[in-house]
Amino acid sequence: MAQVFRPEQIFALKFGAAVLLIVSVAGIVVWRTMIAESPALNAPVAQIPPFSHKHHISDVGLDCRFCHASVETAAFAGIPPTSTCMTCHSQLFKGQPMLAPLAASLREHRPLNWIRVHRVPDFVYFNHSIHISKGIGCSTCHGRVDQMPLMWRTQSLEMSWCLDCHRAPENYLRPRAEVFDMTWQPPADQLQQGRALLAAYQIDRRRLTDCSNCHR
């Protein structure tokens, strides 16, 4: 029987298969490395200086956007510069030892080295602003931040978890006015209201599971 593939075609097929295998293995290694570097689930993460979301949100009454100023307009929610912290702390608790790193940051024009609690691998694209504009609340992904003296991760941030929402967004959508409300709970008729919000936000659920949404 005549040979189906020429030698150069066989070589190209083998080479392509080898490249695909290498890329796949490299992707798995990178993903595993990113997961290993992320703080453990439900494990509080200490910061220097210490920072309590519970105090600043529940006790003081700050809105998420006071510190995370770009959350409504950009992919990255934003980390507050020292000048934002000093809006209050130039007067409040001034000179306290625990805030010495904050004072040094301002004096030396050196940003604080906050430890990131929530992160996804570099090959995953995530945009905060689109989720905010489409009615996904902060607490859906970050948990009850207003009750966290130290921040911790409440969700895995794995692909399967994201797809739970992308496949059935009506279970999670809330009115835009409630996006930053940490105490919001789904109403008894969430499914009905969620379907109405799908139309109001002009969400095409058929496109929510397209690979290109998150992998660009």
C-alpha atoms as a PDB file:
ATOM      1  CA  MET A   1       0.000   0.000   0.000  1.00  0.00           C
ATOM      2  CA  ALA A   2       1.289   3.471  -0.879  1.00  0.00           C
ATOM      3  CA  GLN A   3       2.509   5.661   1.963  1.00  0.00           C
ATOM      4  CA  VAL A   4      -0.210   8.165   2.944  1.00  0.00           C
ATOM      5  CA  PHE A   5       2.115  10.904   4.237  1.00  0.00           C
ATOM      6  CA  ARG A   6       5.398  12.075   2.835  1.00  0.00           C
ATOM      7  CA  PRO A   7       8.412  12.082   5.218  1.00  0.00           C
ATOM      8  CA  GLU A   8       8.333  15.883   5.583  1.00  0.00           C
ATOM      9  CA  GLN A   9       4.631  15.728   6.493  1.00  0.00           C
ATOM     10  CA  ILE A  10       5.291  13.082   9.108  1.00  0.00           C
ATOM     11  CA  PHE A  11       8.056  15.258  10.561  1.00  0.00           C
ATOM     12  CA  ALA A  12       5.730  18.291  10.639  1.00  0.00           C
ATOM     13  CA  LEU A  13       3.042  16.293  12.442  1.00  0.00           C
ATOM     14  CA  LYS A  14       5.499  14.969  15.017  1.00  0.00           C
ATOM     15  CA  PHE A  15       7.026  18.415  15.508  1.00  0.00           C
ATOM     16  CA  GLY A  16       3.586  20.002  15.949  1.00  0.00           C
ATOM     17  CA  ALA A  17       2.573  17.340  18.462  1.00  0.00           C
ATOM     18  CA  ALA A  18       5.800  17.891  20.419  1.00  0.00           C
ATOM     19  CA  VAL A  19       5.278  21.669  20.478  1.00  0.00           C
ATOM     20  CA  LEU A  20       1.672  21.222  21.630  1.00  0.00           C
ATOM     21  CA  LEU A  21       2.802  18.904  24.411  1.00  0.00           C
ATOM     22  CA  ILE A  22       5.517  21.313  25.572  1.00  0.00           C
ATOM     23  CA  VAL A  23       3.124  24.284  25.555  1.00  0.00           C
ATOM     24  CA  SER A  24       0.495  22.289  27.468  1.00  0.00           C
ATOM     25  CA  VAL A  25       2.974  21.149  30.114  1.00  0.00           C
ATOM     26  CA  ALA A  26       4.386  24.686  30.431  1.00  0.00           C
ATOM     27  CA  GLY A  27       0.866  26.076  30.874  1.00  0.00           C
ATOM     28  CA  ILE A  28       0.095  23.566  33.629  1.00  0.00           C
ATOM     29  CA  VAL A  29       3.373  24.368  35.394  1.00  0.00           C
ATOM     30  CA  VAL A  30       2.694  28.122  35.220  1.00  0.00           C
ATOM     31  CA  TRP A  31      -0.848  27.650  36.507  1.00  0.00           C
ATOM     32  CA  ARG A  32       0.327  25.445  39.372  1.00  0.00           C
ATOM     33  CA  THR A  33       3.011  27.988  40.251  1.00  0.00           C
ATOM     34  CA  MET A  34       0.492  30.839  40.322  1.00  0.00           C
ATOM     35  CA  ILE A  35      -1.861  28.844  42.545  1.00  0.00           C
ATOM     36  CA  ALA A  36       1.003  27.923  44.882  1.00  0.00           C
ATOM     37  CA  GLU A  37       2.012  31.586  45.185  1.00  0.00           C
ATOM     38  CA  SER A  38      -1.520  32.709  46.056  1.00  0.00           C
ATOM     39  CA  PRO A  39      -2.505  32.902  49.733  1.00  0.00           C
ATOM     40  CA  ALA A  40      -4.343  29.828  50.973  1.00  0.00           C
ATOM     41  CA  LEU A  41      -8.125  29.801  50.903  1.00  0.00           C
ATOM     42  CA  ASN A  42      -9.684  31.291  54.058  1.00  0.00           C
ATOM     43  CA  ALA A  43      -6.248  32.084  55.516  1.00  0.00           C
ATOM     44  CA  PRO A  44      -5.938  35.692  56.780  1.00  0.00           C
ATOM     45  CA  VAL A  45      -3.049  37.593  55.227  1.00  0.00           C
ATOM     46  CA  ALA A  46      -1.070  39.963  57.459  1.00  0.00           C
ATOM     47  CA  GLN A  47       0.025  43.266  55.951  1.00  0.00           C
ATOM     48  CA  ILE A  48       2.607  45.881  56.939  1.00  0.00           C
ATOM     49  CA  PRO A  49       1.248  48.219  58.113  1.00  0.00           C
ATOM     50  CA  PRO A  50      -1.706  46.174  59.422  1.00  0.00           C
ATOM     51  CA  PHE A  51      -4.916  47.019  57.609  1.00  0.00           C
ATOM     52  CA  SER A  52      -8.443  46.074  58.669  1.00  0.00           C
ATOM     53  CA  HIS A  53     -11.177  46.216  56.067  1.00  0.00           C
ATOM     54  CA  LYS A  54     -13.654  45.601  58.878  1.00  0.00           C
ATOM     55  CA  HIS A  55     -12.581  48.764  60.688  1.00  0.00           C
ATOM     56  CA  HIS A  56     -12.490  50.961  57.615  1.00  0.00           C
ATOM     57  CA  ILE A  57     -15.790  49.709  56.141  1.00  0.00           C
ATOM     58  CA  SER A  58     -17.992  48.706  59.086  1.00  0.00           C
ATOM     59  CA  ASP A  59     -16.668  51.090  61.746  1.00  0.00           C
ATOM     60  CA  VAL A  60     -15.607  54.131  59.715  1.00  0.00           C
ATOM     61  CA  GLY A  61     -18.078  53.679  56.853  1.00  0.00           C
ATOM     62  CA  LEU A  62     -15.729  54.032  53.882  1.00  0.00           C
ATOM     63  CA  ASP A  63     -17.015  53.006  50.475  1.00  0.00           C
ATOM     64  CA  CYS A  64     -14.957  50.471  48.480  1.00  0.00           C
ATOM     65  CA  ARG A  65     -14.312  53.131  45.829  1.00  0.00           C
ATOM     66  CA  PHE A  66     -12.582  55.457  48.265  1.00  0.00           C
ATOM     67  CA  CYS A  67      -9.511  53.217  48.096  1.00  0.00           C
ATOM     68  CA  HIS A  68     -10.178  51.142  44.965  1.00  0.00           C
ATOM     69  CA  ALA A  69     -10.786  54.188  42.813  1.00  0.00           C
ATOM     70  CA  SER A  70     -10.539  52.565  39.380  1.00  0.00           C
ATOM     71  CA  VAL A  71     -12.804  49.579  40.026  1.00  0.00           C
ATOM     72  CA  GLU A  72     -15.636  51.073  37.930  1.00  0.00           C
ATOM     73  CA  THR A  73     -13.502  52.227  35.018  1.00  0.00           C
ATOM     74  CA  ALA A  74     -10.569  49.843  34.607  1.00  0.00           C
ATOM     75  CA  ALA A  75      -9.632  46.186  34.602  1.00  0.00           C
ATOM     76  CA  PHE A  76      -7.626  46.637  37.805  1.00  0.00           C
ATOM     77  CA  ALA A  77      -9.510  47.762  40.906  1.00  0.00           C
ATOM     78  CA  GLY A  78      -6.556  49.872  42.004  1.00  0.00           C
ATOM     79  CA  ILE A  79      -4.464  49.988  45.155  1.00  0.00           C
ATOM     80  CA  PRO A  80      -4.607  53.272  47.049  1.00  0.00           C
ATOM     81  CA  PRO A  81      -1.470  55.410  47.051  1.00  0.00           C
ATOM     82  CA  THR A  82      -0.077  56.542  50.378  1.00  0.00           C
ATOM     83  CA  SER A  83      -1.611  59.969  49.803  1.00  0.00           C
ATOM     84  CA  THR A  84      -5.079  58.403  49.984  1.00  0.00           C
ATOM     85  CA  CYS A  85      -4.270  56.818  53.344  1.00  0.00           C
ATOM     86  CA  MET A  86      -2.906  60.114  54.588  1.00  0.00           C
ATOM     87  CA  THR A  87      -6.182  61.855  53.799  1.00  0.00           C
ATOM     88  CA  CYS A  88      -7.200  60.605  57.226  1.00  0.00           C
ATOM     89  CA  HIS A  89      -3.992  59.498  58.883  1.00  0.00           C
ATOM     90  CA  SER A  90      -2.233  62.833  58.597  1.00  0.00           C
ATOM     91  CA  GLN A  91      -4.510  63.658  61.547  1.00  0.00           C
ATOM     92  CA  LEU A  92      -5.858  60.372  62.929  1.00  0.00           C
ATOM     93  CA  PHE A  93      -3.506  58.103  64.912  1.00  0.00           C
ATOM     94  CA  LYS A  94      -0.629  60.297  63.785  1.00  0.00           C
ATOM     95  CA  GLY A  95       2.688  59.091  65.181  1.00  0.00           C
ATOM     96  CA  GLN A  96       1.415  55.643  66.176  1.00  0.00           C
ATOM     97  CA  PRO A  97       4.154  52.958  65.812  1.00  0.00           C
ATOM     98  CA  MET A  98       1.931  50.675  63.738  1.00  0.00           C
ATOM     99  CA  LEU A  99       1.619  53.433  61.137  1.00  0.00           C
ATOM    100  CA  ALA A 100       5.359  54.125  60.949  1.00  0.00           C
ATOM    101  CA  PRO A 101       5.664  52.326  57.563  1.00  0.00           C
ATOM    102  CA  LEU A 102       2.927  54.598  56.230  1.00  0.00           C
ATOM    103  CA  ALA A 103       4.740  57.735  57.347  1.00  0.00           C
ATOM    104  CA  ALA A 104       8.003  56.403  55.902  1.00  0.00           C
ATOM    105  CA  SER A 105       6.290  55.686  52.595  1.00  0.00           C
ATOM    106  CA  LEU A 106       5.108  59.275  52.327  1.00  0.00           C
ATOM    107  CA  ARG A 107       8.411  60.733  53.481  1.00  0.00           C
ATOM    108  CA  GLU A 108      10.539  58.631  51.146  1.00  0.00           C
ATOM    109  CA  HIS A 109       8.136  58.674  48.196  1.00  0.00           C
ATOM    110  CA  ARG A 110       8.165  54.885  48.245  1.00  0.00           C
ATOM    111  CA  PRO A 111       4.948  52.872  47.732  1.00  0.00           C
ATOM    112  CA  LEU A 112       3.850  50.405  50.369  1.00  0.00           C
ATOM    113  CA  ASN A 113       4.473  46.760  49.557  1.00  0.00           C
ATOM    114  CA  TRP A 114       0.998  45.302  49.991  1.00  0.00           C
ATOM    115  CA  ILE A 115       0.684  41.523  49.711  1.00  0.00           C
ATOM    116  CA  ARG A 116      -1.821  40.646  47.012  1.00  0.00           C
ATOM    117  CA  VAL A 117      -4.579  38.351  48.260  1.00  0.00           C
ATOM    118  CA  HIS A 118      -6.610  37.828  45.069  1.00  0.00           C
ATOM    119  CA  ARG A 119      -4.829  37.024  41.846  1.00  0.00           C
ATOM    120  CA  VAL A 120      -5.412  34.999  38.711  1.00  0.00           C
ATOM    121  CA  PRO A 121      -2.720  33.575  36.407  1.00  0.00           C
ATOM    122  CA  ASP A 122      -1.195  35.896  33.812  1.00  0.00           C
ATOM    123  CA  PHE A 123      -2.902  33.969  31.018  1.00  0.00           C
ATOM    124  CA  VAL A 124      -6.327  34.903  32.429  1.00  0.00           C
ATOM    125  CA  TYR A 125      -7.811  38.304  31.626  1.00  0.00           C
ATOM    126  CA  PHE A 126     -10.134  39.743  34.252  1.00  0.00           C
ATOM    127  CA  ASN A 127     -11.812  43.142  34.090  1.00  0.00           C
ATOM    128  CA  HIS A 128     -13.328  44.574  37.257  1.00  0.00           C
ATOM    129  CA  SER A 129     -15.225  47.367  35.514  1.00  0.00           C
ATOM    130  CA  ILE A 130     -17.320  45.123  33.266  1.00  0.00           C
ATOM    131  CA  HIS A 131     -18.373  42.971  36.226  1.00  0.00           C
ATOM    132  CA  ILE A 132     -19.338  46.057  38.246  1.00  0.00           C
ATOM    133  CA  SER A 133     -21.304  47.563  35.354  1.00  0.00           C
ATOM    134  CA  LYS A 134     -23.183  44.302  34.825  1.00  0.00           C
ATOM    135  CA  GLY A 135     -24.320  43.994  38.439  1.00  0.00           C
ATOM    136  CA  ILE A 136     -21.808  41.634  40.038  1.00  0.00           C
ATOM    137  CA  GLY A 137     -21.250  42.698  43.637  1.00  0.00           C
ATOM    138  CA  CYS A 138     -17.898  42.911  45.400  1.00  0.00           C
ATOM    139  CA  SER A 139     -18.953  40.363  48.028  1.00  0.00           C
ATOM    140  CA  THR A 140     -19.809  37.773  45.365  1.00  0.00           C
ATOM    141  CA  CYS A 141     -16.111  37.299  44.635  1.00  0.00           C
ATOM    142  CA  HIS A 142     -14.413  38.735  47.713  1.00  0.00           C
ATOM    143  CA  GLY A 143     -16.774  37.656  50.471  1.00  0.00           C
ATOM    144  CA  ARG A 144     -17.862  39.783  53.418  1.00  0.00           C
ATOM    145  CA  VAL A 145     -14.842  42.059  53.345  1.00  0.00           C
ATOM    146  CA  ASP A 146     -16.580  44.337  55.834  1.00  0.00           C
ATOM    147  CA  GLN A 147     -16.199  41.565  58.437  1.00  0.00           C
ATOM    148  CA  MET A 148     -12.501  40.848  57.816  1.00  0.00           C
ATOM    149  CA  PRO A 149     -10.004  42.314  60.314  1.00  0.00           C
ATOM    150  CA  LEU A 150      -7.390  40.812  57.982  1.00  0.00           C
ATOM    151  CA  MET A 151      -8.152  40.074  54.351  1.00  0.00           C
ATOM    152  CA  TRP A 152      -8.472  36.502  53.139  1.00  0.00           C
ATOM    153  CA  ARG A 153      -9.580  34.728  49.975  1.00  0.00           C
ATOM    154  CA  THR A 154     -13.029  33.143  50.182  1.00  0.00           C
ATOM    155  CA  GLN A 155     -13.249  31.738  46.644  1.00  0.00           C
ATOM    156  CA  SER A 156     -10.922  29.497  44.657  1.00  0.00           C
ATOM    157  CA  LEU A 157     -10.875  31.791  41.577  1.00  0.00           C
ATOM    158  CA  GLU A 158     -10.468  28.645  39.506  1.00  0.00           C
ATOM    159  CA  MET A 159     -11.986  28.335  36.042  1.00  0.00           C
ATOM    160  CA  SER A 160     -14.820  26.058  37.184  1.00  0.00           C
ATOM    161  CA  TRP A 161     -15.870  28.633  39.787  1.00  0.00           C
ATOM    162  CA  CYS A 162     -15.928  31.437  37.205  1.00  0.00           C
ATOM    163  CA  LEU A 163     -17.948  29.284  34.813  1.00  0.00           C
ATOM    164  CA  ASP A 164     -20.603  28.656  37.458  1.00  0.00           C
ATOM    165  CA  CYS A 165     -21.475  32.346  37.168  1.00  0.00           C
ATOM    166  CA  HIS A 166     -20.910  32.690  33.424  1.00  0.00           C
ATOM    167  CA  ARG A 167     -23.236  29.765  32.710  1.00  0.00           C
ATOM    168  CA  ALA A 168     -26.015  31.002  35.008  1.00  0.00           C
ATOM    169  CA  PRO A 169     -25.475  34.738  35.666  1.00  0.00           C
ATOM    170  CA  GLU A 170     -29.102  35.246  36.702  1.00  0.00           C
ATOM    171  CA  ASN A 171     -28.230  33.568  40.002  1.00  0.00           C
ATOM    172  CA  TYR A 172     -25.737  36.314  40.876  1.00  0.00           C
ATOM    173  CA  LEU A 173     -26.859  39.574  39.261  1.00  0.00           C
ATOM    174  CA  ARG A 174     -28.005  42.381  41.505  1.00  0.00           C
ATOM    175  CA  PRO A 175     -29.171  45.979  40.899  1.00  0.00           C
ATOM    176  CA  ARG A 176     -26.258  48.351  40.248  1.00  0.00           C
ATOM    177  CA  ALA A 177     -27.200  50.350  43.330  1.00  0.00           C
ATOM    178  CA  GLU A 178     -26.470  47.259  45.433  1.00  0.00           C
ATOM    179  CA  VAL A 179     -23.108  46.296  43.904  1.00  0.00           C
ATOM    180  CA  PHE A 180     -21.060  47.799  46.756  1.00  0.00           C
ATOM    181  CA  ASP A 181     -23.467  46.744  49.512  1.00  0.00           C
ATOM    182  CA  MET A 182     -21.684  44.097  51.554  1.00  0.00           C
ATOM    183  CA  THR A 183     -24.880  43.080  53.352  1.00  0.00           C
ATOM    184  CA  TRP A 184     -26.859  42.337  50.163  1.00  0.00           C
ATOM    185  CA  GLN A 185     -28.507  38.919  50.002  1.00  0.00           C
ATOM    186  CA  PRO A 186     -30.298  37.372  47.005  1.00  0.00           C
ATOM    187  CA  PRO A 187     -34.068  37.889  47.327  1.00  0.00           C
ATOM    188  CA  ALA A 188     -36.531  35.001  47.319  1.00  0.00           C
ATOM    189  CA  ASP A 189     -37.270  35.664  43.640  1.00  0.00           C
ATOM    190  CA  GLN A 190     -33.619  36.061  42.624  1.00  0.00           C
ATOM    191  CA  LEU A 191     -34.048  33.856  39.568  1.00  0.00           C
ATOM    192  CA  GLN A 192     -36.867  36.016  38.232  1.00  0.00           C
ATOM    193  CA  GLN A 193     -35.107  39.285  39.037  1.00  0.00           C
ATOM    194  CA  GLY A 194     -31.824  37.967  37.658  1.00  0.00           C
ATOM    195  CA  ARG A 195     -33.440  37.150  34.328  1.00  0.00           C
ATOM    196  CA  ALA A 196     -34.890  40.657  34.180  1.00  0.00           C
ATOM    197  CA  LEU A 197     -31.460  42.119  34.902  1.00  0.00           C
ATOM    198  CA  LEU A 198     -29.947  40.016  32.110  1.00  0.00           C
ATOM    199  CA  ALA A 199     -32.155  41.917  29.695  1.00  0.00           C
ATOM    200  CA  ALA A 200     -31.657  45.276  31.409  1.00  0.00           C
ATOM    201  CA  TYR A 201     -27.857  44.932  31.322  1.00  0.00           C
ATOM    202  CA  GLN A 202     -28.010  43.632  27.729  1.00  0.00           C
ATOM    203  CA  ILE A 203     -26.012  40.531  28.601  1.00  0.00           C
ATOM    204  CA  ASP A 204     -25.739  37.963  25.819  1.00  0.00           C
ATOM    205  CA  ARG A 205     -25.362  34.779  27.848  1.00  0.00           C
ATOM    206  CA  ARG A 206     -24.399  32.850  24.702  1.00  0.00           C
ATOM    207  CA  ARG A 207     -21.077  34.694  24.642  1.00  0.00           C
ATOM    208  CA  LEU A 208     -20.241  34.425  28.324  1.00  0.00           C
ATOM    209  CA  THR A 209     -18.503  31.075  27.902  1.00  0.00           C
ATOM    210  CA  ASP A 210     -16.446  32.044  24.851  1.00  0.00           C
ATOM    211  CA  CYS A 211     -12.794  31.198  25.575  1.00  0.00           C
ATOM    212  CA  SER A 212     -11.658  34.582  24.220  1.00  0.00           C
ATOM    213  CA  ASN A 213     -13.463  36.450  27.022  1.00  0.00           C
ATOM    214  CA  CYS A 214     -10.834  35.384  29.545  1.00  0.00           C
ATOM    215  CA  HIS A 215      -7.987  33.986  27.428  1.00  0.00           C
ATOM    216  CA  ARG A 216      -6.740  36.651  25.017  1.00  0.00           C
END
